N, C-alpha and C. Protein backbone atom coordinates (compact mmCIF):
# COMPACT_ATOMS: atom_id res chain seq x y z
N UNK A 1 28.88 -31.63 49.60
CA UNK A 1 27.87 -32.06 48.68
C UNK A 1 28.12 -31.53 47.27
N UNK A 2 28.83 -30.46 47.15
CA UNK A 2 29.05 -29.88 45.84
C UNK A 2 30.18 -30.61 45.12
N UNK A 3 29.89 -30.93 43.84
CA UNK A 3 30.88 -31.62 43.02
C UNK A 3 31.80 -30.58 42.40
N UNK A 4 33.05 -30.63 42.70
CA UNK A 4 33.97 -29.59 42.25
C UNK A 4 34.41 -29.77 40.79
N UNK A 5 34.19 -30.95 40.18
CA UNK A 5 34.64 -31.16 38.81
C UNK A 5 33.66 -30.58 37.78
N UNK A 6 32.42 -30.29 38.20
CA UNK A 6 31.43 -29.74 37.27
C UNK A 6 30.88 -28.45 37.84
N UNK A 7 31.09 -27.37 37.13
CA UNK A 7 30.59 -26.07 37.56
C UNK A 7 29.34 -25.75 36.73
N UNK A 8 28.21 -25.54 37.39
CA UNK A 8 26.94 -25.33 36.71
C UNK A 8 26.92 -24.01 35.95
N UNK A 9 27.81 -23.10 36.27
CA UNK A 9 27.83 -21.81 35.60
C UNK A 9 28.34 -21.91 34.17
N UNK A 10 28.95 -23.01 33.80
CA UNK A 10 29.36 -23.21 32.41
C UNK A 10 28.15 -23.28 31.48
N UNK A 11 27.00 -23.70 32.01
CA UNK A 11 25.80 -23.85 31.21
C UNK A 11 24.98 -22.57 31.11
N UNK A 12 25.34 -21.53 31.83
CA UNK A 12 24.61 -20.27 31.77
C UNK A 12 24.90 -19.60 30.43
N UNK A 13 24.03 -18.68 29.99
CA UNK A 13 24.27 -18.02 28.69
C UNK A 13 25.58 -17.24 28.62
N UNK A 14 26.13 -16.87 29.77
CA UNK A 14 27.41 -16.17 29.76
C UNK A 14 28.57 -17.14 29.90
N UNK A 15 28.29 -18.39 30.17
CA UNK A 15 29.33 -19.40 30.27
C UNK A 15 29.75 -19.92 28.91
N UNK A 16 30.82 -20.67 28.88
CA UNK A 16 31.38 -21.15 27.63
C UNK A 16 30.44 -22.13 26.93
N UNK A 17 29.97 -23.13 27.60
CA UNK A 17 29.10 -24.14 26.99
C UNK A 17 27.74 -23.54 26.67
N UNK A 18 27.21 -22.73 27.54
CA UNK A 18 25.91 -22.11 27.31
C UNK A 18 25.91 -21.19 26.11
N UNK A 19 27.01 -20.45 25.92
CA UNK A 19 27.12 -19.59 24.75
C UNK A 19 27.09 -20.40 23.47
N UNK A 20 27.84 -21.47 23.41
CA UNK A 20 27.87 -22.29 22.20
C UNK A 20 26.55 -23.01 21.94
N UNK A 21 25.86 -23.42 23.00
CA UNK A 21 24.55 -24.03 22.82
C UNK A 21 23.58 -23.02 22.22
N UNK A 22 23.58 -21.80 22.74
CA UNK A 22 22.72 -20.75 22.18
C UNK A 22 23.10 -20.41 20.75
N UNK A 23 24.39 -20.31 20.48
CA UNK A 23 24.86 -19.97 19.15
C UNK A 23 24.47 -21.04 18.12
N UNK A 24 24.68 -22.29 18.44
CA UNK A 24 24.31 -23.39 17.54
C UNK A 24 22.79 -23.47 17.40
N UNK A 25 22.06 -23.20 18.46
CA UNK A 25 20.61 -23.19 18.39
C UNK A 25 20.08 -22.09 17.48
N UNK A 26 20.70 -20.93 17.51
CA UNK A 26 20.29 -19.83 16.61
C UNK A 26 20.58 -20.18 15.16
N UNK A 27 21.72 -20.76 14.90
CA UNK A 27 22.05 -21.17 13.53
C UNK A 27 21.06 -22.23 13.05
N UNK A 28 20.79 -23.23 13.87
CA UNK A 28 19.86 -24.28 13.51
C UNK A 28 18.46 -23.71 13.26
N UNK A 29 18.01 -22.80 14.11
CA UNK A 29 16.70 -22.18 13.94
C UNK A 29 16.64 -21.39 12.64
N UNK A 30 17.69 -20.66 12.33
CA UNK A 30 17.74 -19.91 11.08
C UNK A 30 17.69 -20.82 9.87
N UNK A 31 18.41 -21.92 9.90
CA UNK A 31 18.39 -22.87 8.79
C UNK A 31 17.01 -23.49 8.61
N UNK A 32 16.38 -23.85 9.70
CA UNK A 32 15.04 -24.44 9.60
C UNK A 32 14.04 -23.42 9.06
N UNK A 33 14.17 -22.17 9.49
CA UNK A 33 13.30 -21.10 8.98
C UNK A 33 13.48 -20.96 7.47
N UNK A 34 14.74 -20.99 7.01
CA UNK A 34 15.03 -20.86 5.59
C UNK A 34 14.43 -22.03 4.81
N UNK A 35 14.66 -23.24 5.26
CA UNK A 35 14.17 -24.40 4.52
C UNK A 35 12.66 -24.52 4.54
N UNK A 36 12.03 -24.16 5.64
CA UNK A 36 10.58 -24.31 5.74
C UNK A 36 9.85 -23.21 4.98
N UNK A 37 10.27 -21.96 5.13
CA UNK A 37 9.50 -20.87 4.57
C UNK A 37 9.96 -20.40 3.20
N UNK A 38 11.23 -20.58 2.86
CA UNK A 38 11.70 -20.08 1.57
C UNK A 38 11.88 -21.19 0.55
N UNK A 39 12.44 -22.31 0.92
CA UNK A 39 12.70 -23.38 -0.04
C UNK A 39 11.43 -24.09 -0.45
N UNK A 40 10.44 -24.16 0.41
CA UNK A 40 9.21 -24.85 0.05
C UNK A 40 8.38 -24.05 -0.94
N UNK A 41 8.62 -22.75 -1.03
CA UNK A 41 7.88 -21.93 -1.98
C UNK A 41 8.48 -21.97 -3.38
N UNK A 42 9.67 -22.54 -3.53
CA UNK A 42 10.26 -22.69 -4.86
C UNK A 42 9.49 -23.73 -5.64
N UNK A 43 9.37 -23.48 -6.92
CA UNK A 43 8.63 -24.42 -7.76
C UNK A 43 9.63 -25.18 -8.62
N UNK A 44 10.47 -25.95 -7.99
CA UNK A 44 11.45 -26.75 -8.70
C UNK A 44 10.83 -28.10 -9.01
N UNK A 45 10.46 -28.27 -10.26
CA UNK A 45 9.86 -29.53 -10.66
C UNK A 45 10.97 -30.53 -10.98
N UNK A 46 10.71 -31.76 -10.71
CA UNK A 46 11.69 -32.79 -11.01
C UNK A 46 11.71 -33.07 -12.50
N UNK A 47 12.70 -33.82 -12.92
CA UNK A 47 12.83 -34.15 -14.34
C UNK A 47 11.62 -34.93 -14.83
N UNK A 48 11.16 -35.89 -14.05
CA UNK A 48 10.00 -36.69 -14.45
C UNK A 48 8.74 -35.83 -14.53
N UNK A 49 8.60 -34.88 -13.61
CA UNK A 49 7.42 -34.01 -13.61
C UNK A 49 7.43 -33.10 -14.84
N UNK A 50 8.60 -32.53 -15.17
CA UNK A 50 8.69 -31.70 -16.36
C UNK A 50 8.41 -32.51 -17.61
N UNK A 51 8.91 -33.73 -17.67
CA UNK A 51 8.67 -34.60 -18.82
C UNK A 51 7.18 -34.95 -18.93
N UNK A 52 6.55 -35.24 -17.81
CA UNK A 52 5.13 -35.57 -17.80
C UNK A 52 4.30 -34.39 -18.31
N UNK A 53 4.63 -33.19 -17.85
CA UNK A 53 3.89 -32.01 -18.29
C UNK A 53 4.09 -31.76 -19.78
N UNK A 54 5.31 -31.98 -20.27
CA UNK A 54 5.59 -31.80 -21.69
C UNK A 54 4.78 -32.80 -22.52
N UNK A 55 4.74 -34.05 -22.07
CA UNK A 55 3.96 -35.06 -22.79
C UNK A 55 2.47 -34.75 -22.76
N UNK A 56 1.98 -34.23 -21.64
CA UNK A 56 0.56 -33.85 -21.55
C UNK A 56 0.24 -32.72 -22.53
N UNK A 57 1.14 -31.73 -22.65
CA UNK A 57 0.90 -30.64 -23.59
C UNK A 57 0.91 -31.14 -25.03
N UNK A 58 1.85 -32.03 -25.35
CA UNK A 58 1.89 -32.58 -26.70
C UNK A 58 0.63 -33.40 -27.00
N UNK A 59 0.18 -34.16 -26.03
CA UNK A 59 -1.04 -34.94 -26.21
C UNK A 59 -2.25 -34.01 -26.38
N UNK A 60 -2.28 -32.94 -25.62
CA UNK A 60 -3.37 -31.98 -25.75
C UNK A 60 -3.36 -31.33 -27.14
N UNK A 61 -2.19 -30.95 -27.63
CA UNK A 61 -2.10 -30.38 -28.97
C UNK A 61 -2.57 -31.38 -30.02
N UNK A 62 -2.18 -32.63 -29.87
CA UNK A 62 -2.58 -33.67 -30.82
C UNK A 62 -4.09 -33.85 -30.83
N UNK A 63 -4.70 -33.83 -29.65
CA UNK A 63 -6.16 -33.98 -29.57
C UNK A 63 -6.88 -32.77 -30.17
N UNK A 64 -6.33 -31.57 -29.97
CA UNK A 64 -6.93 -30.37 -30.55
C UNK A 64 -6.82 -30.42 -32.08
N UNK A 65 -5.67 -30.87 -32.59
CA UNK A 65 -5.50 -30.99 -34.04
C UNK A 65 -6.47 -32.01 -34.64
N UNK A 66 -6.79 -33.04 -33.90
CA UNK A 66 -7.77 -34.01 -34.40
C UNK A 66 -9.17 -33.41 -34.44
N UNK A 67 -9.47 -32.54 -33.50
CA UNK A 67 -10.80 -31.91 -33.48
C UNK A 67 -10.95 -30.86 -34.58
N UNK A 68 -9.87 -30.13 -34.84
CA UNK A 68 -9.91 -29.06 -35.83
C UNK A 68 -8.83 -29.31 -36.88
N UNK A 69 -9.07 -30.22 -37.81
CA UNK A 69 -8.03 -30.53 -38.81
C UNK A 69 -7.87 -29.41 -39.82
N UNK A 70 -6.67 -29.25 -40.31
CA UNK A 70 -6.39 -28.28 -41.37
C UNK A 70 -6.27 -29.08 -42.67
N UNK A 71 -7.35 -29.19 -43.35
CA UNK A 71 -7.35 -29.98 -44.56
C UNK A 71 -7.51 -29.12 -45.80
N UNK A 72 -7.64 -29.77 -46.94
CA UNK A 72 -7.79 -29.03 -48.18
C UNK A 72 -9.22 -28.55 -48.39
N UNK A 73 -10.12 -28.90 -47.47
CA UNK A 73 -11.50 -28.47 -47.60
C UNK A 73 -11.72 -27.06 -47.08
N UNK A 74 -10.81 -26.56 -46.29
CA UNK A 74 -11.01 -25.23 -45.70
C UNK A 74 -10.14 -24.21 -46.35
């Protein structure tokens, strides 16, 4: 009944295939931990977002200057 071409002990953690499965799994888990917990906390704004924020600040300055003009009366 036993199939001699496939030995189930290869899949154990001490076997060749089992060791590589565990090793690749640890690397994959570490990469996912890095991307989920460290990369998501970075505040890397895209080019369009930085441009939008810059335009909003310029518009805000322009509106403030309209409210408080520096004229020859003051």
